[in-house]
């Protein structure tokens, strides 16, 4: 099973640049647990770059546990299930959270 760091480093490979046209954002990831950490995504000009650490004034903050992060990006759990169960927390406009979910090539998880 992949670690959070491996998943974070692999996000540019899951990024769907066609769906991200005009989506220029900086997004903070705060992942708790033994494998967690803090990274931020610089998404602009249809490219995604991962950076270590905390970002000042991100437009969106995504917080979740390490196991939930891995389950989300491997398609083992539907993002709405994580949101409903309060295992995934977005801080920022809800529309930003919806747009965030749309820019990744994640295997489709069954909705429960």
PDB file of N, CA and C in Angstrom:
ATOM      1  N   UNK A   1       0.843  -1.186   0.000  1.00  0.00           N
ATOM      2  CA  UNK A   1       0.000   0.000   0.000  1.00  0.00           C
ATOM      3  C   UNK A   1       0.884   1.245   0.000  1.00  0.00           C
ATOM      4  N   UNK A   2       0.491   2.225  -0.760  1.00  0.00           N
ATOM      5  CA  UNK A   2       1.253   3.468  -0.868  1.00  0.00           C
ATOM      6  C   UNK A   2       1.192   4.259   0.432  1.00  0.00           C
ATOM      7  N   UNK A   3       2.235   5.020   0.692  1.00  0.00           N
ATOM      8  CA  UNK A   3       2.236   5.933   1.834  1.00  0.00           C
ATOM      9  C   UNK A   3       1.607   7.256   1.404  1.00  0.00           C
ATOM     10  N   UNK A   4       1.275   8.093   2.387  1.00  0.00           N
ATOM     11  CA  UNK A   4       0.729   9.412   2.073  1.00  0.00           C
ATOM     12  C   UNK A   4       1.732  10.195   1.242  1.00  0.00           C
ATOM     13  N   UNK A   5       2.994  10.165   1.626  1.00  0.00           N
ATOM     14  CA  UNK A   5       4.030  10.902   0.893  1.00  0.00           C
ATOM     15  C   UNK A   5       4.097  10.439  -0.558  1.00  0.00           C
ATOM     16  N   UNK A   6       4.028   9.130  -0.787  1.00  0.00           N
ATOM     17  CA  UNK A   6       4.030   8.609  -2.156  1.00  0.00           C
ATOM     18  C   UNK A   6       2.792   9.072  -2.925  1.00  0.00           C
ATOM     19  N   UNK A   7       1.634   9.078  -2.246  1.00  0.00           N
ATOM     20  CA  UNK A   7       0.405   9.544  -2.895  1.00  0.00           C
ATOM     21  C   UNK A   7       0.498  11.025  -3.228  1.00  0.00           C
ATOM     22  N   UNK A   8       0.990  11.823  -2.275  1.00  0.00           N
ATOM     23  CA  UNK A   8       1.129  13.266  -2.511  1.00  0.00           C
ATOM     24  C   UNK A   8       2.084  13.509  -3.673  1.00  0.00           C
ATOM     25  N   UNK A   9       3.226  12.836  -3.652  1.00  0.00           N
ATOM     26  CA  UNK A   9       4.194  13.000  -4.738  1.00  0.00           C
ATOM     27  C   UNK A   9       3.617  12.557  -6.086  1.00  0.00           C
ATOM     28  N   UNK A  10       2.659  11.634  -6.057  1.00  0.00           N
ATOM     29  CA  UNK A  10       2.041  11.137  -7.282  1.00  0.00           C
ATOM     30  C   UNK A  10       0.857  11.956  -7.777  1.00  0.00           C
ATOM     31  N   UNK A  11       0.445  12.983  -7.029  1.00  0.00           N
ATOM     32  CA  UNK A  11      -0.722  13.760  -7.434  1.00  0.00           C
ATOM     33  C   UNK A  11      -0.579  14.395  -8.821  1.00  0.00           C
ATOM     34  N   UNK A  12       0.598  14.916  -9.199  1.00  0.00           N
ATOM     35  CA  UNK A  12       0.693  15.454 -10.563  1.00  0.00           C
ATOM     36  C   UNK A  12       0.360  14.406 -11.635  1.00  0.00           C
ATOM     37  N   UNK A  13       0.593  13.138 -11.351  1.00  0.00           N
ATOM     38  CA  UNK A  13       0.252  12.075 -12.292  1.00  0.00           C
ATOM     39  C   UNK A  13      -1.236  11.773 -12.348  1.00  0.00           C
ATOM     40  N   UNK A  14      -1.959  12.081 -11.277  1.00  0.00           N
ATOM     41  CA  UNK A  14      -3.415  11.897 -11.240  1.00  0.00           C
ATOM     42  C   UNK A  14      -4.166  13.128 -11.738  1.00  0.00           C
ATOM     43  N   UNK A  15      -3.445  14.220 -11.888  1.00  0.00           N
ATOM     44  CA  UNK A  15      -4.024  15.504 -12.261  1.00  0.00           C
ATOM     45  C   UNK A  15      -4.567  15.451 -13.687  1.00  0.00           C
ATOM     46  N   UNK A  16      -5.787  15.938 -13.871  1.00  0.00           N
ATOM     47  CA  UNK A  16      -6.411  15.984 -15.192  1.00  0.00           C
ATOM     48  C   UNK A  16      -6.346  17.422 -15.693  1.00  0.00           C
ATOM     49  N   UNK A  17      -5.335  17.725 -16.478  1.00  0.00           N
ATOM     50  CA  UNK A  17      -5.112  19.105 -16.918  1.00  0.00           C
ATOM     51  C   UNK A  17      -6.263  19.635 -17.770  1.00  0.00           C
ATOM     52  N   UNK A  18      -6.912  18.782 -18.545  1.00  0.00           N
ATOM     53  CA  UNK A  18      -8.029  19.238 -19.380  1.00  0.00           C
ATOM     54  C   UNK A  18      -9.180  19.746 -18.520  1.00  0.00           C
ATOM     55  N   UNK A  19      -9.441  19.080 -17.412  1.00  0.00           N
ATOM     56  CA  UNK A  19     -10.521  19.508 -16.509  1.00  0.00           C
ATOM     57  C   UNK A  19     -10.127  20.717 -15.676  1.00  0.00           C
ATOM     58  N   UNK A  20      -8.843  21.044 -15.639  1.00  0.00           N
ATOM     59  CA  UNK A  20      -8.361  22.145 -14.807  1.00  0.00           C
ATOM     60  C   UNK A  20      -8.150  23.440 -15.591  1.00  0.00           C
ATOM     61  N   UNK A  21      -8.660  23.491 -16.803  1.00  0.00           N
ATOM     62  CA  UNK A  21      -8.512  24.706 -17.598  1.00  0.00           C
ATOM     63  C   UNK A  21      -9.153  25.878 -16.859  1.00  0.00           C
ATOM     64  N   UNK A  22      -8.369  26.912 -16.621  1.00  0.00           N
ATOM     65  CA  UNK A  22      -8.845  28.095 -15.900  1.00  0.00           C
ATOM     66  C   UNK A  22      -8.868  27.942 -14.391  1.00  0.00           C
ATOM     67  N   UNK A  23      -8.488  26.778 -13.884  1.00  0.00           N
ATOM     68  CA  UNK A  23      -8.489  26.515 -12.440  1.00  0.00           C
ATOM     69  C   UNK A  23      -7.087  26.804 -11.914  1.00  0.00           C
ATOM     70  N   UNK A  24      -6.880  28.007 -11.424  1.00  0.00           N
ATOM     71  CA  UNK A  24      -5.585  28.424 -10.893  1.00  0.00           C
ATOM     72  C   UNK A  24      -5.749  28.657  -9.397  1.00  0.00           C
ATOM     73  N   UNK A  25      -5.209  27.729  -8.600  1.00  0.00           N
ATOM     74  CA  UNK A  25      -5.407  27.768  -7.150  1.00  0.00           C
ATOM     75  C   UNK A  25      -4.169  27.272  -6.433  1.00  0.00           C
ATOM     76  N   UNK A  26      -4.098  27.661  -5.173  1.00  0.00           N
ATOM     77  CA  UNK A  26      -3.113  27.096  -4.254  1.00  0.00           C
ATOM     78  C   UNK A  26      -3.910  26.454  -3.128  1.00  0.00           C
ATOM     79  N   UNK A  27      -3.656  25.172  -2.897  1.00  0.00           N
ATOM     80  CA  UNK A  27      -4.461  24.376  -1.982  1.00  0.00           C
ATOM     81  C   UNK A  27      -3.570  23.724  -0.943  1.00  0.00           C
ATOM     82  N   UNK A  28      -3.945  23.895   0.312  1.00  0.00           N
ATOM     83  CA  UNK A  28      -3.197  23.319   1.426  1.00  0.00           C
ATOM     84  C   UNK A  28      -3.731  21.931   1.747  1.00  0.00           C
ATOM     85  N   UNK A  29      -2.832  20.976   1.925  1.00  0.00           N
ATOM     86  CA  UNK A  29      -3.183  19.630   2.383  1.00  0.00           C
ATOM     87  C   UNK A  29      -2.659  19.460   3.800  1.00  0.00           C
ATOM     88  N   UNK A  30      -3.535  19.086   4.719  1.00  0.00           N
ATOM     89  CA  UNK A  30      -3.155  18.794   6.097  1.00  0.00           C
ATOM     90  C   UNK A  30      -3.627  17.377   6.398  1.00  0.00           C
ATOM     91  N   UNK A  31      -2.667  16.461   6.417  1.00  0.00           N
ATOM     92  CA  UNK A  31      -2.987  15.055   6.586  1.00  0.00           C
ATOM     93  C   UNK A  31      -2.481  14.596   7.951  1.00  0.00           C
ATOM     94  N   UNK A  32      -3.407  14.110   8.786  1.00  0.00           N
ATOM     95  CA  UNK A  32      -3.046  13.674  10.137  1.00  0.00           C
ATOM     96  C   UNK A  32      -2.687  12.195  10.146  1.00  0.00           C
ATOM     97  N   UNK A  33      -2.141  11.738  11.251  1.00  0.00           N
ATOM     98  CA  UNK A  33      -1.777  10.332  11.409  1.00  0.00           C
ATOM     99  C   UNK A  33      -0.284  10.132  11.256  1.00  0.00           C
ATOM    100  N   UNK A  34       0.143   8.905  11.483  1.00  0.00           N
ATOM    101  CA  UNK A  34       1.564   8.582  11.436  1.00  0.00           C
ATOM    102  C   UNK A  34       2.204   8.925  10.097  1.00  0.00           C
ATOM    103  N   UNK A  35       1.487   8.721   9.020  1.00  0.00           N
ATOM    104  CA  UNK A  35       2.037   8.991   7.695  1.00  0.00           C
ATOM    105  C   UNK A  35       1.700  10.361   7.160  1.00  0.00           C
ATOM    106  N   UNK A  36       1.102  11.178   7.990  1.00  0.00           N
ATOM    107  CA  UNK A  36       0.627  12.477   7.540  1.00  0.00           C
ATOM    108  C   UNK A  36       1.706  13.535   7.419  1.00  0.00           C
ATOM    109  N   UNK A  37       1.251  14.737   7.139  1.00  0.00           N
ATOM    110  CA  UNK A  37       2.136  15.876   6.997  1.00  0.00           C
ATOM    111  C   UNK A  37       1.390  17.030   6.360  1.00  0.00           C
ATOM    112  N   UNK A  38       2.143  18.048   5.993  1.00  0.00           N
ATOM    113  CA  UNK A  38       1.558  19.236   5.377  1.00  0.00           C
ATOM    114  C   UNK A  38       2.268  19.517   4.060  1.00  0.00           C
ATOM    115  N   UNK A  39       1.458  19.632   3.024  1.00  0.00           N
ATOM    116  CA  UNK A  39       1.932  19.951   1.682  1.00  0.00           C
ATOM    117  C   UNK A  39       0.955  20.941   1.089  1.00  0.00           C
ATOM    118  N   UNK A  40       1.369  21.582   0.008  1.00  0.00           N
ATOM    119  CA  UNK A  40       0.410  22.406  -0.720  1.00  0.00           C
ATOM    120  C   UNK A  40       0.587  22.190  -2.210  1.00  0.00           C
ATOM    121  N   UNK A  41      -0.519  22.390  -2.905  1.00  0.00           N
ATOM    122  CA  UNK A  41      -0.560  22.191  -4.344  1.00  0.00           C
ATOM    123  C   UNK A  41      -0.632  23.547  -5.027  1.00  0.00           C
ATOM    124  N   UNK A  42       0.237  23.743  -5.975  1.00  0.00           N
ATOM    125  CA  UNK A  42       0.212  24.950  -6.803  1.00  0.00           C
ATOM    126  C   UNK A  42      -0.337  24.514  -8.159  1.00  0.00           C
ATOM    127  N   UNK A  43      -1.576  24.896  -8.415  1.00  0.00           N
ATOM    128  CA  UNK A  43      -2.244  24.496  -9.653  1.00  0.00           C
ATOM    129  C   UNK A  43      -2.452  25.754 -10.489  1.00  0.00           C
ATOM    130  N   UNK A  44      -1.743  25.808 -11.598  1.00  0.00           N
ATOM    131  CA  UNK A  44      -1.923  26.937 -12.508  1.00  0.00           C
ATOM    132  C   UNK A  44      -1.463  26.539 -13.901  1.00  0.00           C
ATOM    133  N   UNK A  45      -2.053  27.191 -14.876  1.00  0.00           N
ATOM    134  CA  UNK A  45      -1.744  26.930 -16.283  1.00  0.00           C
ATOM    135  C   UNK A  45      -1.842  25.443 -16.614  1.00  0.00           C
ATOM    136  N   UNK A  46      -2.839  24.789 -16.032  1.00  0.00           N
ATOM    137  CA  UNK A  46      -3.134  23.370 -16.259  1.00  0.00           C
ATOM    138  C   UNK A  46      -1.990  22.445 -15.845  1.00  0.00           C
ATOM    139  N   UNK A  47      -1.250  22.857 -14.823  1.00  0.00           N
ATOM    140  CA  UNK A  47      -0.176  22.039 -14.259  1.00  0.00           C
ATOM    141  C   UNK A  47      -0.337  22.004 -12.747  1.00  0.00           C
ATOM    142  N   UNK A  48       0.089  20.885 -12.152  1.00  0.00           N
ATOM    143  CA  UNK A  48       0.019  20.700 -10.702  1.00  0.00           C
ATOM    144  C   UNK A  48       1.423  20.438 -10.171  1.00  0.00           C
ATOM    145  N   UNK A  49       1.825  21.259  -9.206  1.00  0.00           N
ATOM    146  CA  UNK A  49       3.116  21.097  -8.549  1.00  0.00           C
ATOM    147  C   UNK A  49       2.876  20.912  -7.065  1.00  0.00           C
ATOM    148  N   UNK A  50       3.582  19.963  -6.455  1.00  0.00           N
ATOM    149  CA  UNK A  50       3.471  19.690  -5.021  1.00  0.00           C
ATOM    150  C   UNK A  50       4.632  20.363  -4.301  1.00  0.00           C
ATOM    151  N   UNK A  51       4.323  21.045  -3.186  1.00  0.00           N
ATOM    152  CA  UNK A  51       5.350  21.707  -2.382  1.00  0.00           C
ATOM    153  C   UNK A  51       5.180  21.278  -0.929  1.00  0.00           C
ATOM    154  N   UNK A  52       6.287  21.181  -0.213  1.00  0.00           N
ATOM    155  CA  UNK A  52       6.253  20.818   1.209  1.00  0.00           C
ATOM    156  C   UNK A  52       5.871  22.019   2.063  1.00  0.00           C
ATOM    157  N   UNK A  53       5.221  21.730   3.201  1.00  0.00           N
ATOM    158  CA  UNK A  53       4.997  22.740   4.220  1.00  0.00           C
ATOM    159  C   UNK A  53       3.655  23.433   4.155  1.00  0.00           C
ATOM    160  N   UNK A  54       3.614  24.547   4.884  1.00  0.00           N
ATOM    161  CA  UNK A  54       2.390  25.340   4.999  1.00  0.00           C
ATOM    162  C   UNK A  54       2.419  26.515   4.037  1.00  0.00           C
ATOM    163  N   UNK A  55       1.262  26.845   3.544  1.00  0.00           N
ATOM    164  CA  UNK A  55       1.075  27.946   2.612  1.00  0.00           C
ATOM    165  C   UNK A  55       0.344  29.062   3.334  1.00  0.00           C
ATOM    166  N   UNK A  56       0.783  30.266   3.124  1.00  0.00           N
ATOM    167  CA  UNK A  56       0.095  31.407   3.707  1.00  0.00           C
ATOM    168  C   UNK A  56      -1.106  31.761   2.828  1.00  0.00           C
ATOM    169  N   UNK A  57      -2.265  31.845   3.414  1.00  0.00           N
ATOM    170  CA  UNK A  57      -3.510  32.239   2.744  1.00  0.00           C
ATOM    171  C   UNK A  57      -3.926  31.337   1.577  1.00  0.00           C
ATOM    172  N   UNK A  58      -4.047  30.026   1.806  1.00  0.00           N
ATOM    173  CA  UNK A  58      -4.541  29.170   0.720  1.00  0.00           C
ATOM    174  C   UNK A  58      -6.010  29.452   0.437  1.00  0.00           C
ATOM    175  N   UNK A  59      -6.439  29.224  -0.781  1.00  0.00           N
ATOM    176  CA  UNK A  59      -7.849  29.402  -1.138  1.00  0.00           C
ATOM    177  C   UNK A  59      -8.700  28.271  -0.571  1.00  0.00           C
ATOM    178  N   UNK A  60      -8.079  27.100  -0.442  1.00  0.00           N
ATOM    179  CA  UNK A  60      -8.781  25.918   0.041  1.00  0.00           C
ATOM    180  C   UNK A  60      -7.832  25.115   0.917  1.00  0.00           C
ATOM    181  N   UNK A  61      -8.345  24.596   2.028  1.00  0.00           N
ATOM    182  CA  UNK A  61      -7.581  23.707   2.899  1.00  0.00           C
ATOM    183  C   UNK A  61      -8.329  22.382   2.956  1.00  0.00           C
ATOM    184  N   UNK A  62      -7.606  21.312   2.708  1.00  0.00           N
ATOM    185  CA  UNK A  62      -8.164  19.968   2.763  1.00  0.00           C
ATOM    186  C   UNK A  62      -7.523  19.246   3.942  1.00  0.00           C
ATOM    187  N   UNK A  63      -8.350  18.773   4.877  1.00  0.00           N
ATOM    188  CA  UNK A  63      -7.852  18.071   6.061  1.00  0.00           C
ATOM    189  C   UNK A  63      -8.497  16.694   6.147  1.00  0.00           C
ATOM    190  N   UNK A  64      -7.660  15.684   6.422  1.00  0.00           N
ATOM    191  CA  UNK A  64      -8.168  14.330   6.633  1.00  0.00           C
ATOM    192  C   UNK A  64      -7.070  13.456   7.208  1.00  0.00           C
ATOM    193  N   UNK A  65      -7.447  12.290   7.666  1.00  0.00           N
ATOM    194  CA  UNK A  65      -6.490  11.322   8.211  1.00  0.00           C
ATOM    195  C   UNK A  65      -5.737  10.647   7.064  1.00  0.00           C
ATOM    196  N   UNK A  66      -4.569  10.126   7.388  1.00  0.00           N
ATOM    197  CA  UNK A  66      -3.712   9.489   6.385  1.00  0.00           C
ATOM    198  C   UNK A  66      -4.425   8.357   5.644  1.00  0.00           C
ATOM    199  N   UNK A  67      -5.108   7.477   6.361  1.00  0.00           N
ATOM    200  CA  UNK A  67      -5.774   6.342   5.704  1.00  0.00           C
ATOM    201  C   UNK A  67      -6.918   6.811   4.800  1.00  0.00           C
ATOM    202  N   UNK A  68      -7.623   7.863   5.194  1.00  0.00           N
ATOM    203  CA  UNK A  68      -8.715   8.393   4.374  1.00  0.00           C
ATOM    204  C   UNK A  68      -8.171   9.071   3.114  1.00  0.00           C
ATOM    205  N   UNK A  69      -7.045   9.743   3.237  1.00  0.00           N
ATOM    206  CA  UNK A  69      -6.410  10.386   2.088  1.00  0.00           C
ATOM    207  C   UNK A  69      -6.036   9.339   1.036  1.00  0.00           C
ATOM    208  N   UNK A  70      -5.426   8.261   1.498  1.00  0.00           N
ATOM    209  CA  UNK A  70      -5.036   7.189   0.576  1.00  0.00           C
ATOM    210  C   UNK A  70      -6.277   6.540  -0.041  1.00  0.00           C
ATOM    211  N   UNK A  71      -7.307   6.291   0.775  1.00  0.00           N
ATOM    212  CA  UNK A  71      -8.537   5.695   0.257  1.00  0.00           C
ATOM    213  C   UNK A  71      -9.192   6.613  -0.783  1.00  0.00           C
ATOM    214  N   UNK A  72      -9.165   7.909  -0.564  1.00  0.00           N
ATOM    215  CA  UNK A  72      -9.751   8.878  -1.495  1.00  0.00           C
ATOM    216  C   UNK A  72      -9.030   8.844  -2.841  1.00  0.00           C
ATOM    217  N   UNK A  73      -7.709   8.979  -2.818  1.00  0.00           N
ATOM    218  CA  UNK A  73      -6.960   9.084  -4.068  1.00  0.00           C
ATOM    219  C   UNK A  73      -6.725   7.741  -4.766  1.00  0.00           C
ATOM    220  N   UNK A  74      -7.061   6.643  -4.114  1.00  0.00           N
ATOM    221  CA  UNK A  74      -7.003   5.343  -4.799  1.00  0.00           C
ATOM    222  C   UNK A  74      -8.394   4.882  -5.232  1.00  0.00           C
ATOM    223  N   UNK A  75      -9.420   5.687  -4.930  1.00  0.00           N
ATOM    224  CA  UNK A  75     -10.770   5.361  -5.357  1.00  0.00           C
ATOM    225  C   UNK A  75     -11.465   4.326  -4.501  1.00  0.00           C
ATOM    226  N   UNK A  76     -10.933   4.045  -3.326  1.00  0.00           N
ATOM    227  CA  UNK A  76     -11.553   3.039  -2.452  1.00  0.00           C
ATOM    228  C   UNK A  76     -12.780   3.582  -1.726  1.00  0.00           C
ATOM    229  N   UNK A  77     -12.890   4.899  -1.660  1.00  0.00           N
ATOM    230  CA  UNK A  77     -14.043   5.528  -1.012  1.00  0.00           C
ATOM    231  C   UNK A  77     -14.431   6.765  -1.820  1.00  0.00           C
ATOM    232  N   UNK A  78     -15.722   6.975  -1.955  1.00  0.00           N
ATOM    233  CA  UNK A  78     -16.225   8.136  -2.684  1.00  0.00           C
ATOM    234  C   UNK A  78     -16.011   9.390  -1.831  1.00  0.00           C
ATOM    235  N   UNK A  79     -15.578  10.496  -2.438  1.00  0.00           N
ATOM    236  CA  UNK A  79     -15.325  11.704  -1.651  1.00  0.00           C
ATOM    237  C   UNK A  79     -16.545  12.192  -0.877  1.00  0.00           C
ATOM    238  N   UNK A  80     -17.748  12.037  -1.429  1.00  0.00           N
ATOM    239  CA  UNK A  80     -18.932  12.486  -0.695  1.00  0.00           C
ATOM    240  C   UNK A  80     -19.152  11.669   0.569  1.00  0.00           C
ATOM    241  N   UNK A  81     -18.758  10.407   0.552  1.00  0.00           N
ATOM    242  CA  UNK A  81     -18.849   9.586   1.759  1.00  0.00           C
ATOM    243  C   UNK A  81     -17.915  10.135   2.840  1.00  0.00           C
ATOM    244  N   UNK A  82     -16.724  10.548   2.424  1.00  0.00           N
ATOM    245  CA  UNK A  82     -15.781  11.138   3.379  1.00  0.00           C
ATOM    246  C   UNK A  82     -16.309  12.453   3.929  1.00  0.00           C
ATOM    247  N   UNK A  83     -16.922  13.257   3.083  1.00  0.00           N
ATOM    248  CA  UNK A  83     -17.476  14.542   3.525  1.00  0.00           C
ATOM    249  C   UNK A  83     -18.642  14.305   4.476  1.00  0.00           C
ATOM    250  N   UNK A  84     -19.570  13.415   4.088  1.00  0.00           N
ATOM    251  CA  UNK A  84     -20.744  13.142   4.938  1.00  0.00           C
ATOM    252  C   UNK A  84     -20.361  12.601   6.305  1.00  0.00           C
ATOM    253  N   UNK A  85     -19.321  11.777   6.350  1.00  0.00           N
ATOM    254  CA  UNK A  85     -18.895  11.194   7.620  1.00  0.00           C
ATOM    255  C   UNK A  85     -17.924  12.106   8.382  1.00  0.00           C
ATOM    256  N   UNK A  86     -17.719  13.291   7.835  1.00  0.00           N
ATOM    257  CA  UNK A  86     -16.832  14.295   8.442  1.00  0.00           C
ATOM    258  C   UNK A  86     -15.380  13.827   8.547  1.00  0.00           C
ATOM    259  N   UNK A  87     -14.996  12.896   7.674  1.00  0.00           N
ATOM    260  CA  UNK A  87     -13.620  12.429   7.635  1.00  0.00           C
ATOM    261  C   UNK A  87     -12.772  13.290   6.697  1.00  0.00           C
ATOM    262  N   UNK A  88     -13.427  14.039   5.812  1.00  0.00           N
ATOM    263  CA  UNK A  88     -12.760  14.981   4.921  1.00  0.00           C
ATOM    264  C   UNK A  88     -13.341  16.354   5.202  1.00  0.00           C
ATOM    265  N   UNK A  89     -12.458  17.294   5.505  1.00  0.00           N
ATOM    266  CA  UNK A  89     -12.914  18.635   5.813  1.00  0.00           C
ATOM    267  C   UNK A  89     -12.280  19.616   4.832  1.00  0.00           C
ATOM    268  N   UNK A  90     -13.137  20.395   4.174  1.00  0.00           N
ATOM    269  CA  UNK A  90     -12.679  21.480   3.323  1.00  0.00           C
ATOM    270  C   UNK A  90     -12.896  22.789   4.061  1.00  0.00           C
ATOM    271  N   UNK A  91     -11.895  23.633   4.094  1.00  0.00           N
ATOM    272  CA  UNK A  91     -12.051  24.980   4.616  1.00  0.00           C
ATOM    273  C   UNK A  91     -11.889  25.912   3.431  1.00  0.00           C
ATOM    274  N   UNK A  92     -12.938  26.618   3.128  1.00  0.00           N
ATOM    275  CA  UNK A  92     -12.985  27.492   1.966  1.00  0.00           C
ATOM    276  C   UNK A  92     -14.350  27.349   1.333  1.00  0.00           C
ATOM    277  N   UNK A  93     -14.581  28.037   0.222  1.00  0.00           N
ATOM    278  CA  UNK A  93     -15.886  27.940  -0.435  1.00  0.00           C
ATOM    279  C   UNK A  93     -16.206  26.503  -0.850  1.00  0.00           C
ATOM    280  N   UNK A  94     -17.436  26.065  -0.634  1.00  0.00           N
ATOM    281  CA  UNK A  94     -17.857  24.710  -0.993  1.00  0.00           C
ATOM    282  C   UNK A  94     -17.648  24.458  -2.484  1.00  0.00           C
ATOM    283  N   UNK A  95     -17.855  25.476  -3.285  1.00  0.00           N
ATOM    284  CA  UNK A  95     -17.648  25.311  -4.726  1.00  0.00           C
ATOM    285  C   UNK A  95     -16.199  24.957  -5.035  1.00  0.00           C
ATOM    286  N   UNK A  96     -15.281  25.423  -4.205  1.00  0.00           N
ATOM    287  CA  UNK A  96     -13.864  25.089  -4.394  1.00  0.00           C
ATOM    288  C   UNK A  96     -13.628  23.603  -4.121  1.00  0.00           C
ATOM    289  N   UNK A  97     -14.295  23.075  -3.097  1.00  0.00           N
ATOM    290  CA  UNK A  97     -14.166  21.657  -2.786  1.00  0.00           C
ATOM    291  C   UNK A  97     -14.711  20.786  -3.903  1.00  0.00           C
ATOM    292  N   UNK A  98     -15.824  21.198  -4.480  1.00  0.00           N
ATOM    293  CA  UNK A  98     -16.416  20.453  -5.595  1.00  0.00           C
ATOM    294  C   UNK A  98     -15.486  20.509  -6.800  1.00  0.00           C
ATOM    295  N   UNK A  99     -14.972  21.686  -7.098  1.00  0.00           N
ATOM    296  CA  UNK A  99     -14.053  21.839  -8.229  1.00  0.00           C
ATOM    297  C   UNK A  99     -12.779  21.020  -8.009  1.00  0.00           C
ATOM    298  N   UNK A 100     -12.291  20.988  -6.769  1.00  0.00           N
ATOM    299  CA  UNK A 100     -11.093  20.212  -6.445  1.00  0.00           C
ATOM    300  C   UNK A 100     -11.300  18.741  -6.797  1.00  0.00           C
ATOM    301  N   UNK A 101     -12.446  18.199  -6.429  1.00  0.00           N
ATOM    302  CA  UNK A 101     -12.725  16.783  -6.702  1.00  0.00           C
ATOM    303  C   UNK A 101     -12.757  16.472  -8.192  1.00  0.00           C
ATOM    304  N   UNK A 102     -13.070  17.465  -9.004  1.00  0.00           N
ATOM    305  CA  UNK A 102     -13.252  17.236 -10.435  1.00  0.00           C
ATOM    306  C   UNK A 102     -11.948  17.218 -11.241  1.00  0.00           C
ATOM    307  N   UNK A 103     -10.831  17.623 -10.659  1.00  0.00           N
ATOM    308  CA  UNK A 103      -9.602  17.775 -11.454  1.00  0.00           C
ATOM    309  C   UNK A 103      -8.643  16.590 -11.358  1.00  0.00           C
ATOM    310  N   UNK A 104      -9.117  15.475 -10.823  1.00  0.00           N
ATOM    311  CA  UNK A 104      -8.253  14.309 -10.639  1.00  0.00           C
ATOM    312  C   UNK A 104      -8.777  13.115 -11.417  1.00  0.00           C
ATOM    313  N   UNK A 105      -7.879  12.282 -11.889  1.00  0.00           N
ATOM    314  CA  UNK A 105      -8.224  11.008 -12.510  1.00  0.00           C
ATOM    315  C   UNK A 105      -8.152   9.937 -11.432  1.00  0.00           C
ATOM    316  N   UNK A 106      -9.209   9.872 -10.637  1.00  0.00           N
ATOM    317  CA  UNK A 106      -9.301   8.918  -9.532  1.00  0.00           C
ATOM    318  C   UNK A 106     -10.250   7.807  -9.960  1.00  0.00           C
ATOM    319  N   UNK A 107      -9.900   6.563  -9.686  1.00  0.00           N
ATOM    320  CA  UNK A 107     -10.850   5.483  -9.991  1.00  0.00           C
ATOM    321  C   UNK A 107     -12.171   5.766  -9.285  1.00  0.00           C
ATOM    322  N   UNK A 108     -13.272   5.436  -9.922  1.00  0.00           N
ATOM    323  CA  UNK A 108     -14.594   5.707  -9.363  1.00  0.00           C
ATOM    324  C   UNK A 108     -14.898   4.716  -8.254  1.00  0.00           C
ATOM    325  N   UNK A 109     -15.214   5.253  -7.085  1.00  0.00           N
ATOM    326  CA  UNK A 109     -15.568   4.420  -5.934  1.00  0.00           C
ATOM    327  C   UNK A 109     -17.079   4.279  -5.858  1.00  0.00           C
ATOM    328  N   UNK A 110     -17.557   3.180  -5.336  1.00  0.00           N
ATOM    329  CA  UNK A 110     -18.996   3.038  -5.140  1.00  0.00           C
ATOM    330  C   UNK A 110     -19.469   4.056  -4.122  1.00  0.00           C
ATOM    331  N   UNK A 111     -20.634   4.628  -4.356  1.00  0.00           N
ATOM    332  CA  UNK A 111     -21.183   5.603  -3.427  1.00  0.00           C
ATOM    333  C   UNK A 111     -22.074   4.873  -2.431  1.00  0.00           C
ATOM    334  N   UNK A 112     -21.820   5.151  -1.130  1.00  0.00           N
ATOM    335  CA  UNK A 112     -22.568   4.415  -0.122  1.00  0.00           C
ATOM    336  C   UNK A 112     -23.447   5.229   0.714  1.00  0.00           C
TER     337      UNK A 112
END
